[in-house]
Amino acid sequence: MIRSFIIGSLAIVLTSIAPAQAQTIDEPAYNLTPRNLINLGRQGKFKAQGVPSHARFISAIRSGKVDAQILVSSAITNNRLPQSAISDRDYLNAVNDHLKSGGCSIN
């Protein structure tokens, strides 16, 4: 009887924890992925913030004039990312990593 109670209680606890973990793992932090952010920059969506487009965008990335911080700030100004994104180290690192790895035809 005690064994049934313990197994039943454990099953209830595990089923209540699992859905909460699944939601946090599957939900993206922002609606704008690092790849999409870079694409928007390259397409000229952040020209008003001084981010060049197309070939000049690629050159600015290579020379260090445009980086993750600038792209995220530009996206915040354009209401494409929340203000909290500028201090989100994981998001900034993901954008920088994507830029460094040649994401979106940067290299």
C-alpha atoms as a PDB file:
ATOM      1  CA  MET A   1       0.000   0.000   0.000  1.00  0.00           C
ATOM      2  CA  ILE A   2       2.754   2.449   0.884  1.00  0.00           C
ATOM      3  CA  ARG A   3       4.638   1.389  -2.219  1.00  0.00           C
ATOM      4  CA  SER A   4       1.602   2.186  -4.420  1.00  0.00           C
ATOM      5  CA  PHE A   5       1.239   5.563  -2.728  1.00  0.00           C
ATOM      6  CA  ILE A   6       4.905   6.441  -3.304  1.00  0.00           C
ATOM      7  CA  ILE A   7       4.825   5.356  -6.953  1.00  0.00           C
ATOM      8  CA  GLY A   8       1.596   7.265  -7.560  1.00  0.00           C
ATOM      9  CA  SER A   9       2.950  10.400  -5.892  1.00  0.00           C
ATOM     10  CA  LEU A  10       6.159  10.196  -7.872  1.00  0.00           C
ATOM     11  CA  ALA A  11       4.222   9.845 -11.122  1.00  0.00           C
ATOM     12  CA  ILE A  12       2.167  12.949 -10.307  1.00  0.00           C
ATOM     13  CA  VAL A  13       5.264  14.977  -9.470  1.00  0.00           C
ATOM     14  CA  LEU A  14       7.080  13.902 -12.639  1.00  0.00           C
ATOM     15  CA  THR A  15       4.156  14.677 -14.927  1.00  0.00           C
ATOM     16  CA  SER A  16       3.719  18.127 -13.409  1.00  0.00           C
ATOM     17  CA  ILE A  17       7.433  18.965 -13.868  1.00  0.00           C
ATOM     18  CA  ALA A  18       7.941  17.620 -17.398  1.00  0.00           C
ATOM     19  CA  PRO A  19       5.533  19.970 -19.253  1.00  0.00           C
ATOM     20  CA  ALA A  20       7.045  23.060 -17.632  1.00  0.00           C
ATOM     21  CA  GLN A  21      10.541  22.019 -18.709  1.00  0.00           C
ATOM     22  CA  ALA A  22       9.407  21.246 -22.235  1.00  0.00           C
ATOM     23  CA  GLN A  23       7.910  24.723 -22.645  1.00  0.00           C
ATOM     24  CA  THR A  24      11.040  26.557 -21.570  1.00  0.00           C
ATOM     25  CA  ILE A  25      13.284  24.451 -23.793  1.00  0.00           C
ATOM     26  CA  ASP A  26      11.129  24.754 -26.921  1.00  0.00           C
ATOM     27  CA  GLU A  27      10.258  28.454 -26.648  1.00  0.00           C
ATOM     28  CA  PRO A  28      12.678  30.757 -28.462  1.00  0.00           C
ATOM     29  CA  ALA A  29      13.967  33.679 -26.421  1.00  0.00           C
ATOM     30  CA  TYR A  30      12.963  36.145 -29.158  1.00  0.00           C
ATOM     31  CA  ASN A  31      10.959  36.056 -32.355  1.00  0.00           C
ATOM     32  CA  LEU A  32      14.046  37.173 -34.278  1.00  0.00           C
ATOM     33  CA  THR A  33      16.745  34.518 -34.615  1.00  0.00           C
ATOM     34  CA  PRO A  34      20.394  35.574 -34.937  1.00  0.00           C
ATOM     35  CA  ARG A  35      20.340  34.465 -38.567  1.00  0.00           C
ATOM     36  CA  ASN A  36      17.238  36.544 -39.313  1.00  0.00           C
ATOM     37  CA  LEU A  37      18.741  39.535 -37.511  1.00  0.00           C
ATOM     38  CA  ILE A  38      21.822  39.341 -39.739  1.00  0.00           C
ATOM     39  CA  ASN A  39      19.670  38.950 -42.844  1.00  0.00           C
ATOM     40  CA  LEU A  40      17.690  42.073 -41.929  1.00  0.00           C
ATOM     41  CA  GLY A  41      20.923  44.003 -41.523  1.00  0.00           C
ATOM     42  CA  ARG A  42      22.249  42.819 -44.857  1.00  0.00           C
ATOM     43  CA  GLN A  43      18.945  43.725 -46.547  1.00  0.00           C
ATOM     44  CA  GLY A  44      19.267  47.321 -45.354  1.00  0.00           C
ATOM     45  CA  LYS A  45      16.551  47.287 -42.683  1.00  0.00           C
ATOM     46  CA  PHE A  46      18.883  49.104 -40.252  1.00  0.00           C
ATOM     47  CA  LYS A  47      20.206  51.794 -42.615  1.00  0.00           C
ATOM     48  CA  ALA A  48      18.597  54.521 -40.495  1.00  0.00           C
ATOM     49  CA  GLN A  49      20.831  53.359 -37.627  1.00  0.00           C
ATOM     50  CA  GLY A  50      23.952  53.593 -39.785  1.00  0.00           C
ATOM     51  CA  VAL A  51      24.216  49.907 -40.686  1.00  0.00           C
ATOM     52  CA  PRO A  52      25.177  49.562 -44.359  1.00  0.00           C
ATOM     53  CA  SER A  53      23.505  47.017 -46.610  1.00  0.00           C
ATOM     54  CA  HIS A  54      24.572  44.308 -49.061  1.00  0.00           C
ATOM     55  CA  ALA A  55      28.300  44.283 -49.942  1.00  0.00           C
ATOM     56  CA  ARG A  56      29.021  47.188 -47.592  1.00  0.00           C
ATOM     57  CA  PHE A  57      27.326  45.248 -44.794  1.00  0.00           C
ATOM     58  CA  ILE A  58      29.680  42.332 -45.322  1.00  0.00           C
ATOM     59  CA  SER A  59      32.663  44.688 -45.401  1.00  0.00           C
ATOM     60  CA  ALA A  60      31.498  46.389 -42.177  1.00  0.00           C
ATOM     61  CA  ILE A  61      31.215  42.997 -40.463  1.00  0.00           C
ATOM     62  CA  ARG A  62      34.712  41.993 -41.589  1.00  0.00           C
ATOM     63  CA  SER A  63      36.232  45.297 -40.472  1.00  0.00           C
ATOM     64  CA  GLY A  64      34.464  45.212 -37.104  1.00  0.00           C
ATOM     65  CA  LYS A  65      32.387  48.346 -37.718  1.00  0.00           C
ATOM     66  CA  VAL A  66      29.208  46.291 -37.320  1.00  0.00           C
ATOM     67  CA  ASP A  67      28.894  43.603 -34.671  1.00  0.00           C
ATOM     68  CA  ALA A  68      26.218  41.859 -32.644  1.00  0.00           C
ATOM     69  CA  GLN A  69      25.803  44.796 -30.271  1.00  0.00           C
ATOM     70  CA  ILE A  70      25.127  47.200 -33.145  1.00  0.00           C
ATOM     71  CA  LEU A  71      22.730  44.825 -34.880  1.00  0.00           C
ATOM     72  CA  VAL A  72      20.783  44.140 -31.687  1.00  0.00           C
ATOM     73  CA  SER A  73      20.622  47.860 -30.851  1.00  0.00           C
ATOM     74  CA  SER A  74      19.344  48.572 -34.353  1.00  0.00           C
ATOM     75  CA  ALA A  75      16.696  45.878 -34.063  1.00  0.00           C
ATOM     76  CA  ILE A  76      15.577  47.309 -30.712  1.00  0.00           C
ATOM     77  CA  THR A  77      15.274  50.776 -32.255  1.00  0.00           C
ATOM     78  CA  ASN A  78      13.138  49.251 -35.027  1.00  0.00           C
ATOM     79  CA  ASN A  79      10.929  47.443 -32.487  1.00  0.00           C
ATOM     80  CA  ARG A  80      12.042  44.050 -33.758  1.00  0.00           C
ATOM     81  CA  LEU A  81      13.598  43.023 -30.428  1.00  0.00           C
ATOM     82  CA  PRO A  82      12.756  43.949 -26.838  1.00  0.00           C
ATOM     83  CA  GLN A  83      15.072  46.254 -24.885  1.00  0.00           C
ATOM     84  CA  SER A  84      16.188  43.279 -22.768  1.00  0.00           C
ATOM     85  CA  ALA A  85      17.988  41.761 -25.775  1.00  0.00           C
ATOM     86  CA  ILE A  86      20.843  44.266 -25.477  1.00  0.00           C
ATOM     87  CA  SER A  87      21.905  42.761 -22.159  1.00  0.00           C
ATOM     88  CA  ASP A  88      21.194  39.138 -23.117  1.00  0.00           C
ATOM     89  CA  ARG A  89      24.711  37.677 -23.301  1.00  0.00           C
ATOM     90  CA  ASP A  90      23.459  34.387 -24.759  1.00  0.00           C
ATOM     91  CA  TYR A  91      21.682  36.133 -27.632  1.00  0.00           C
ATOM     92  CA  LEU A  92      24.600  38.499 -28.312  1.00  0.00           C
ATOM     93  CA  ASN A  93      27.029  35.574 -28.261  1.00  0.00           C
ATOM     94  CA  ALA A  94      24.823  33.624 -30.659  1.00  0.00           C
ATOM     95  CA  VAL A  95      24.774  36.571 -33.087  1.00  0.00           C
ATOM     96  CA  ASN A  96      28.552  37.036 -32.790  1.00  0.00           C
ATOM     97  CA  ASP A  97      29.165  33.316 -33.255  1.00  0.00           C
ATOM     98  CA  HIS A  98      26.985  33.311 -36.353  1.00  0.00           C
ATOM     99  CA  LEU A  99      28.846  36.320 -37.760  1.00  0.00           C
ATOM    100  CA  LYS A 100      32.244  34.745 -37.054  1.00  0.00           C
ATOM    101  CA  SER A 101      31.259  31.402 -38.567  1.00  0.00           C
ATOM    102  CA  GLY A 102      30.314  33.040 -41.849  1.00  0.00           C
ATOM    103  CA  GLY A 103      26.570  32.949 -41.315  1.00  0.00           C
ATOM    104  CA  CYS A 104      24.373  34.385 -44.041  1.00  0.00           C
ATOM    105  CA  SER A 105      27.182  34.588 -46.615  1.00  0.00           C
ATOM    106  CA  ILE A 106      29.355  36.915 -44.555  1.00  0.00           C
ATOM    107  CA  ASN A 107      32.624  35.142 -45.455  1.00  0.00           C
END
